[in-house]
Amino acid sequence: WVGAFVTFLNLLPVGQLDGGHIVRAMFG
């Protein structure tokens, strides 16, 4: 549960979060 919860929060496409890095790289 911790792994899933942390993954979701980190994949929010904002700032320096993992999701932010991914979406910045994908969509400029």
PDB file of all heavy atoms in Angstrom:
ATOM      1  N   TRP A   1       0.833  -1.207   0.000  1.00  0.00           N
ATOM      2  CA  TRP A   1       0.000   0.000   0.000  1.00  0.00           C
ATOM      3  C   TRP A   1       0.862   1.249   0.000  1.00  0.00           C
ATOM      4  O   TRP A   1       0.577   2.213  -0.732  1.00  0.00           O
ATOM      5  CB  TRP A   1      -0.912  -0.036   1.224  1.00  0.00           C
ATOM      6  CG  TRP A   1      -1.791   1.173   1.376  1.00  0.00           C
ATOM      7  CD1 TRP A   1      -3.048   1.340   0.861  1.00  0.00           C
ATOM      8  CD2 TRP A   1      -1.491   2.368   2.092  1.00  0.00           C
ATOM      9  NE1 TRP A   1      -3.541   2.570   1.214  1.00  0.00           N
ATOM     10  CE2 TRP A   1      -2.595   3.222   1.969  1.00  0.00           C
ATOM     11  CE3 TRP A   1      -0.379   2.800   2.823  1.00  0.00           C
ATOM     12  CZ2 TRP A   1      -2.633   4.486   2.553  1.00  0.00           C
ATOM     13  CZ3 TRP A   1      -0.412   4.066   3.394  1.00  0.00           C
ATOM     14  CH2 TRP A   1      -1.531   4.890   3.263  1.00  0.00           C
ATOM     15  N   VAL A   2       1.920   1.261   0.803  1.00  0.00           N
ATOM     16  CA  VAL A   2       2.844   2.403   0.840  1.00  0.00           C
ATOM     17  C   VAL A   2       3.463   2.628  -0.536  1.00  0.00           C
ATOM     18  O   VAL A   2       3.548   3.756  -1.032  1.00  0.00           O
ATOM     19  CB  VAL A   2       3.949   2.185   1.890  1.00  0.00           C
ATOM     20  CG1 VAL A   2       5.084   3.202   1.726  1.00  0.00           C
ATOM     21  CG2 VAL A   2       3.375   2.279   3.299  1.00  0.00           C
ATOM     22  N   GLY A   3       3.895   1.531  -1.176  1.00  0.00           N
ATOM     23  CA  GLY A   3       4.498   1.656  -2.492  1.00  0.00           C
ATOM     24  C   GLY A   3       3.558   2.280  -3.498  1.00  0.00           C
ATOM     25  O   GLY A   3       3.943   3.154  -4.283  1.00  0.00           O
ATOM     26  N   ALA A   4       2.295   1.830  -3.498  1.00  0.00           N
ATOM     27  CA  ALA A   4       1.318   2.374  -4.434  1.00  0.00           C
ATOM     28  C   ALA A   4       1.012   3.835  -4.120  1.00  0.00           C
ATOM     29  O   ALA A   4       0.951   4.685  -5.022  1.00  0.00           O
ATOM     30  CB  ALA A   4       0.035   1.535  -4.383  1.00  0.00           C
ATOM     31  N   PHE A   5       0.834   4.151  -2.842  1.00  0.00           N
ATOM     32  CA  PHE A   5       0.489   5.516  -2.433  1.00  0.00           C
ATOM     33  C   PHE A   5       1.617   6.488  -2.774  1.00  0.00           C
ATOM     34  O   PHE A   5       1.397   7.571  -3.343  1.00  0.00           O
ATOM     35  CB  PHE A   5       0.194   5.530  -0.934  1.00  0.00           C
ATOM     36  CG  PHE A   5      -0.306   6.852  -0.416  1.00  0.00           C
ATOM     37  CD1 PHE A   5      -1.492   7.381  -0.881  1.00  0.00           C
ATOM     38  CD2 PHE A   5       0.407   7.551   0.543  1.00  0.00           C
ATOM     39  CE1 PHE A   5      -1.963   8.603  -0.407  1.00  0.00           C
ATOM     40  CE2 PHE A   5      -0.053   8.762   1.026  1.00  0.00           C
ATOM     41  CZ  PHE A   5      -1.249   9.290   0.556  1.00  0.00           C
ATOM     42  N   VAL A   6       2.849   6.097  -2.463  1.00  0.00           N
ATOM     43  CA  VAL A   6       4.005   6.942  -2.758  1.00  0.00           C
ATOM     44  C   VAL A   6       4.164   7.116  -4.269  1.00  0.00           C
ATOM     45  O   VAL A   6       4.495   8.208  -4.746  1.00  0.00           O
ATOM     46  CB  VAL A   6       5.281   6.334  -2.137  1.00  0.00           C
ATOM     47  CG1 VAL A   6       6.543   6.994  -2.693  1.00  0.00           C
ATOM     48  CG2 VAL A   6       5.250   6.477  -0.619  1.00  0.00           C
ATOM     49  N   THR A   7       3.909   6.053  -5.019  1.00  0.00           N
ATOM     50  CA  THR A   7       4.015   6.138  -6.470  1.00  0.00           C
ATOM     51  C   THR A   7       3.023   7.145  -7.033  1.00  0.00           C
ATOM     52  O   THR A   7       3.372   7.982  -7.879  1.00  0.00           O
ATOM     53  CB  THR A   7       3.786   4.761  -7.114  1.00  0.00           C
ATOM     54  OG1 THR A   7       4.826   3.874  -6.707  1.00  0.00           O
ATOM     55  CG2 THR A   7       3.774   4.864  -8.633  1.00  0.00           C
ATOM     56  N   PHE A   8       1.779   7.075  -6.571  1.00  0.00           N
ATOM     57  CA  PHE A   8       0.781   8.017  -7.074  1.00  0.00           C
ATOM     58  C   PHE A   8       1.181   9.455  -6.769  1.00  0.00           C
ATOM     59  O   PHE A   8       1.139  10.320  -7.656  1.00  0.00           O
ATOM     60  CB  PHE A   8      -0.596   7.728  -6.472  1.00  0.00           C
ATOM     61  CG  PHE A   8      -1.592   8.816  -6.774  1.00  0.00           C
ATOM     62  CD1 PHE A   8      -2.133   8.928  -8.052  1.00  0.00           C
ATOM     63  CD2 PHE A   8      -1.953   9.737  -5.807  1.00  0.00           C
ATOM     64  CE1 PHE A   8      -3.025   9.949  -8.349  1.00  0.00           C
ATOM     65  CE2 PHE A   8      -2.845  10.763  -6.101  1.00  0.00           C
ATOM     66  CZ  PHE A   8      -3.387  10.865  -7.369  1.00  0.00           C
ATOM     67  N   LEU A   9       1.565   9.723  -5.531  1.00  0.00           N
ATOM     68  CA  LEU A   9       1.924  11.088  -5.170  1.00  0.00           C
ATOM     69  C   LEU A   9       3.130  11.576  -5.965  1.00  0.00           C
ATOM     70  O   LEU A   9       3.173  12.719  -6.429  1.00  0.00           O
ATOM     71  CB  LEU A   9       2.209  11.180  -3.668  1.00  0.00           C
ATOM     72  CG  LEU A   9       1.016  10.951  -2.742  1.00  0.00           C
ATOM     73  CD1 LEU A   9       1.449  11.037  -1.288  1.00  0.00           C
ATOM     74  CD2 LEU A   9      -0.104  11.947  -3.028  1.00  0.00           C
ATOM     75  N   ASN A  10       4.125  10.701  -6.128  1.00  0.00           N
ATOM     76  CA  ASN A  10       5.317  11.101  -6.862  1.00  0.00           C
ATOM     77  C   ASN A  10       5.043  11.321  -8.340  1.00  0.00           C
ATOM     78  O   ASN A  10       5.775  12.062  -9.005  1.00  0.00           O
ATOM     79  CB  ASN A  10       6.421  10.050  -6.699  1.00  0.00           C
ATOM     80  CG  ASN A  10       7.286  10.307  -5.490  1.00  0.00           C
ATOM     81  OD1 ASN A  10       8.062  11.251  -5.446  1.00  0.00           O
ATOM     82  ND2 ASN A  10       7.148   9.468  -4.474  1.00  0.00           N
ATOM     83  N   LEU A  11       4.014  10.671  -8.882  1.00  0.00           N
ATOM     84  CA  LEU A  11       3.717  10.810 -10.302  1.00  0.00           C
ATOM     85  C   LEU A  11       2.780  11.984 -10.606  1.00  0.00           C
ATOM     86  O   LEU A  11       2.402  12.187 -11.763  1.00  0.00           O
ATOM     87  CB  LEU A  11       3.120   9.512 -10.849  1.00  0.00           C
ATOM     88  CG  LEU A  11       4.143   8.394 -11.067  1.00  0.00           C
ATOM     89  CD1 LEU A  11       3.459   7.111 -11.532  1.00  0.00           C
ATOM     90  CD2 LEU A  11       5.211   8.811 -12.080  1.00  0.00           C
ATOM     91  N   LEU A  12       2.438  12.766  -9.595  1.00  0.00           N
ATOM     92  CA  LEU A  12       1.711  14.002  -9.886  1.00  0.00           C
ATOM     93  C   LEU A  12       2.616  14.876 -10.758  1.00  0.00           C
ATOM     94  O   LEU A  12       3.779  15.116 -10.419  1.00  0.00           O
ATOM     95  CB  LEU A  12       1.350  14.725  -8.588  1.00  0.00           C
ATOM     96  CG  LEU A  12       0.303  14.037  -7.701  1.00  0.00           C
ATOM     97  CD1 LEU A  12       0.160  14.774  -6.376  1.00  0.00           C
ATOM     98  CD2 LEU A  12      -1.044  13.957  -8.413  1.00  0.00           C
ATOM     99  N   PRO A  13       2.128  15.359 -11.896  1.00  0.00           N
ATOM    100  CA  PRO A  13       2.987  16.060 -12.859  1.00  0.00           C
ATOM    101  C   PRO A  13       3.268  17.514 -12.473  1.00  0.00           C
ATOM    102  O   PRO A  13       2.863  18.458 -13.168  1.00  0.00           O
ATOM    103  CB  PRO A  13       2.182  15.968 -14.158  1.00  0.00           C
ATOM    104  CG  PRO A  13       0.763  15.945 -13.702  1.00  0.00           C
ATOM    105  CD  PRO A  13       0.757  15.169 -12.400  1.00  0.00           C
ATOM    106  N   VAL A  14       3.978  17.675 -11.368  1.00  0.00           N
ATOM    107  CA  VAL A  14       4.220  19.005 -10.826  1.00  0.00           C
ATOM    108  C   VAL A  14       5.681  19.164 -10.422  1.00  0.00           C
ATOM    109  O   VAL A  14       6.252  18.269  -9.777  1.00  0.00           O
ATOM    110  CB  VAL A  14       3.325  19.267  -9.588  1.00  0.00           C
ATOM    111  CG1 VAL A  14       3.646  20.619  -8.978  1.00  0.00           C
ATOM    112  CG2 VAL A  14       1.860  19.203  -9.969  1.00  0.00           C
ATOM    113  N   GLY A  15       6.274  20.283 -10.782  1.00  0.00           N
ATOM    114  CA  GLY A  15       7.581  20.678 -10.274  1.00  0.00           C
ATOM    115  C   GLY A  15       8.631  19.604 -10.354  1.00  0.00           C
ATOM    116  O   GLY A  15       8.864  18.978 -11.387  1.00  0.00           O
ATOM    117  N   GLN A  16       9.298  19.369  -9.194  1.00  0.00           N
ATOM    118  CA  GLN A  16      10.409  18.430  -9.118  1.00  0.00           C
ATOM    119  C   GLN A  16       9.972  17.022  -8.735  1.00  0.00           C
ATOM    120  O   GLN A  16      10.825  16.161  -8.500  1.00  0.00           O
ATOM    121  CB  GLN A  16      11.435  18.938  -8.091  1.00  0.00           C
ATOM    122  CG  GLN A  16      12.063  20.271  -8.429  1.00  0.00           C
ATOM    123  CD  GLN A  16      13.094  20.170  -9.540  1.00  0.00           C
ATOM    124  OE1 GLN A  16      13.582  19.091  -9.837  1.00  0.00           O
ATOM    125  NE2 GLN A  16      13.435  21.288 -10.148  1.00  0.00           N
ATOM    126  N   LEU A  17       8.663  16.769  -8.666  1.00  0.00           N
ATOM    127  CA  LEU A  17       8.202  15.404  -8.430  1.00  0.00           C
ATOM    128  C   LEU A  17       8.535  14.543  -9.647  1.00  0.00           C
ATOM    129  O   LEU A  17       8.761  15.043 -10.748  1.00  0.00           O
ATOM    130  CB  LEU A  17       6.695  15.378  -8.165  1.00  0.00           C
ATOM    131  CG  LEU A  17       6.206  16.049  -6.881  1.00  0.00           C
ATOM    132  CD1 LEU A  17       4.682  16.001  -6.813  1.00  0.00           C
ATOM    133  CD2 LEU A  17       6.816  15.406  -5.655  1.00  0.00           C
ATOM    134  N   ASP A  18       8.553  13.224  -9.458  1.00  0.00           N
ATOM    135  CA  ASP A  18       8.864  12.321 -10.570  1.00  0.00           C
ATOM    136  C   ASP A  18       7.943  12.569 -11.763  1.00  0.00           C
ATOM    137  O   ASP A  18       8.383  12.583 -12.919  1.00  0.00           O
ATOM    138  CB  ASP A  18       8.731  10.866 -10.127  1.00  0.00           C
ATOM    139  CG  ASP A  18       9.726  10.499  -9.037  1.00  0.00           C
ATOM    140  OD1 ASP A  18      10.728  11.235  -8.885  1.00  0.00           O
ATOM    141  OD2 ASP A  18       9.506   9.492  -8.340  1.00  0.00           O
ATOM    142  N   GLY A  19       6.660  12.745 -11.481  1.00  0.00           N
ATOM    143  CA  GLY A  19       5.718  13.025 -12.559  1.00  0.00           C
ATOM    144  C   GLY A  19       6.028  14.325 -13.265  1.00  0.00           C
ATOM    145  O   GLY A  19       5.837  14.442 -14.484  1.00  0.00           O
ATOM    146  N   GLY A  20       6.517  15.312 -12.512  1.00  0.00           N
ATOM    147  CA  GLY A  20       6.927  16.568 -13.126  1.00  0.00           C
ATOM    148  C   GLY A  20       8.078  16.367 -14.088  1.00  0.00           C
ATOM    149  O   GLY A  20       8.102  16.919 -15.195  1.00  0.00           O
ATOM    150  N   HIS A  21       9.071  15.555 -13.681  1.00  0.00           N
ATOM    151  CA  HIS A  21      10.201  15.256 -14.569  1.00  0.00           C
ATOM    152  C   HIS A  21       9.725  14.530 -15.832  1.00  0.00           C
ATOM    153  O   HIS A  21      10.140  14.855 -16.952  1.00  0.00           O
ATOM    154  CB  HIS A  21      11.221  14.369 -13.844  1.00  0.00           C
ATOM    155  CG  HIS A  21      11.928  15.053 -12.719  1.00  0.00           C
ATOM    156  ND1 HIS A  21      12.161  16.411 -12.697  1.00  0.00           N
ATOM    157  CD2 HIS A  21      12.475  14.561 -11.575  1.00  0.00           C
ATOM    158  CE1 HIS A  21      12.819  16.734 -11.589  1.00  0.00           C
ATOM    159  NE2 HIS A  21      13.010  15.622 -10.900  1.00  0.00           N
ATOM    160  N   ILE A  22       8.866  13.531 -15.634  1.00  0.00           N
ATOM    161  CA  ILE A  22       8.418  12.714 -16.757  1.00  0.00           C
ATOM    162  C   ILE A  22       7.625  13.553 -17.762  1.00  0.00           C
ATOM    163  O   ILE A  22       7.877  13.522 -18.979  1.00  0.00           O
ATOM    164  CB  ILE A  22       7.571  11.530 -16.260  1.00  0.00           C
ATOM    165  CG1 ILE A  22       8.436  10.570 -15.439  1.00  0.00           C
ATOM    166  CG2 ILE A  22       6.914  10.797 -17.426  1.00  0.00           C
ATOM    167  CD1 ILE A  22       7.641   9.532 -14.674  1.00  0.00           C
ATOM    168  N   VAL A  23       6.660  14.325 -17.277  1.00  0.00           N
ATOM    169  CA  VAL A  23       5.807  15.119 -18.165  1.00  0.00           C
ATOM    170  C   VAL A  23       6.598  16.253 -18.807  1.00  0.00           C
ATOM    171  O   VAL A  23       6.381  16.591 -19.976  1.00  0.00           O
ATOM    172  CB  VAL A  23       4.576  15.636 -17.392  1.00  0.00           C
ATOM    173  CG1 VAL A  23       3.757  16.598 -18.243  1.00  0.00           C
ATOM    174  CG2 VAL A  23       3.701  14.467 -16.962  1.00  0.00           C
ATOM    175  N   ARG A  24       7.536  16.849 -18.054  1.00  0.00           N
ATOM    176  CA  ARG A  24       8.398  17.892 -18.652  1.00  0.00           C
ATOM    177  C   ARG A  24       9.214  17.307 -19.798  1.00  0.00           C
ATOM    178  O   ARG A  24       9.387  17.933 -20.856  1.00  0.00           O
ATOM    179  CB  ARG A  24       9.322  18.474 -17.579  1.00  0.00           C
ATOM    180  CG  ARG A  24      10.398  19.443 -18.108  1.00  0.00           C
ATOM    181  CD  ARG A  24       9.786  20.692 -18.708  1.00  0.00           C
ATOM    182  NE  ARG A  24      10.802  21.597 -19.208  1.00  0.00           N
ATOM    183  CZ  ARG A  24      11.366  21.515 -20.410  1.00  0.00           C
ATOM    184  NH1 ARG A  24      11.008  20.525 -21.238  1.00  0.00           N
ATOM    185  NH2 ARG A  24      12.257  22.405 -20.798  1.00  0.00           N
ATOM    186  N   ALA A  25       9.743  16.095 -19.599  1.00  0.00           N
ATOM    187  CA  ALA A  25      10.537  15.456 -20.650  1.00  0.00           C
ATOM    188  C   ALA A  25       9.661  15.054 -21.836  1.00  0.00           C
ATOM    189  O   ALA A  25      10.088  15.144 -22.990  1.00  0.00           O
ATOM    190  CB  ALA A  25      11.253  14.229 -20.089  1.00  0.00           C
ATOM    191  N   MET A  26       8.438  14.623 -21.580  1.00  0.00           N
ATOM    192  CA  MET A  26       7.559  14.155 -22.650  1.00  0.00           C
ATOM    193  C   MET A  26       6.970  15.309 -23.460  1.00  0.00           C
ATOM    194  O   MET A  26       6.894  15.232 -24.688  1.00  0.00           O
ATOM    195  CB  MET A  26       6.421  13.305 -22.064  1.00  0.00           C
ATOM    196  CG  MET A  26       6.849  11.972 -21.489  1.00  0.00           C
ATOM    197  SD  MET A  26       5.490  11.092 -20.679  1.00  0.00           S
ATOM    198  CE  MET A  26       4.420  10.710 -22.074  1.00  0.00           C
ATOM    199  N   PHE A  27       6.539  16.368 -22.784  1.00  0.00           N
ATOM    200  CA  PHE A  27       5.765  17.415 -23.452  1.00  0.00           C
ATOM    201  C   PHE A  27       6.451  18.777 -23.480  1.00  0.00           C
ATOM    202  O   PHE A  27       5.849  19.760 -23.922  1.00  0.00           O
ATOM    203  CB  PHE A  27       4.392  17.550 -22.785  1.00  0.00           C
ATOM    204  CG  PHE A  27       3.603  16.271 -22.793  1.00  0.00           C
ATOM    205  CD1 PHE A  27       3.381  15.573 -21.628  1.00  0.00           C
ATOM    206  CD2 PHE A  27       3.099  15.759 -23.979  1.00  0.00           C
ATOM    207  CE1 PHE A  27       2.658  14.383 -21.630  1.00  0.00           C
ATOM    208  CE2 PHE A  27       2.370  14.583 -23.998  1.00  0.00           C
ATOM    209  CZ  PHE A  27       2.152  13.895 -22.821  1.00  0.00           C
ATOM    210  N   GLY A  28       7.685  18.837 -23.011  1.00  0.00           N
ATOM    211  CA  GLY A  28       8.400  20.107 -23.055  1.00  0.00           C
ATOM    212  C   GLY A  28       7.745  21.159 -22.182  1.00  0.00           C
ATOM    213  O   GLY A  28       7.230  20.867 -21.108  1.00  0.00           O
TER     214      GLY A  28
END
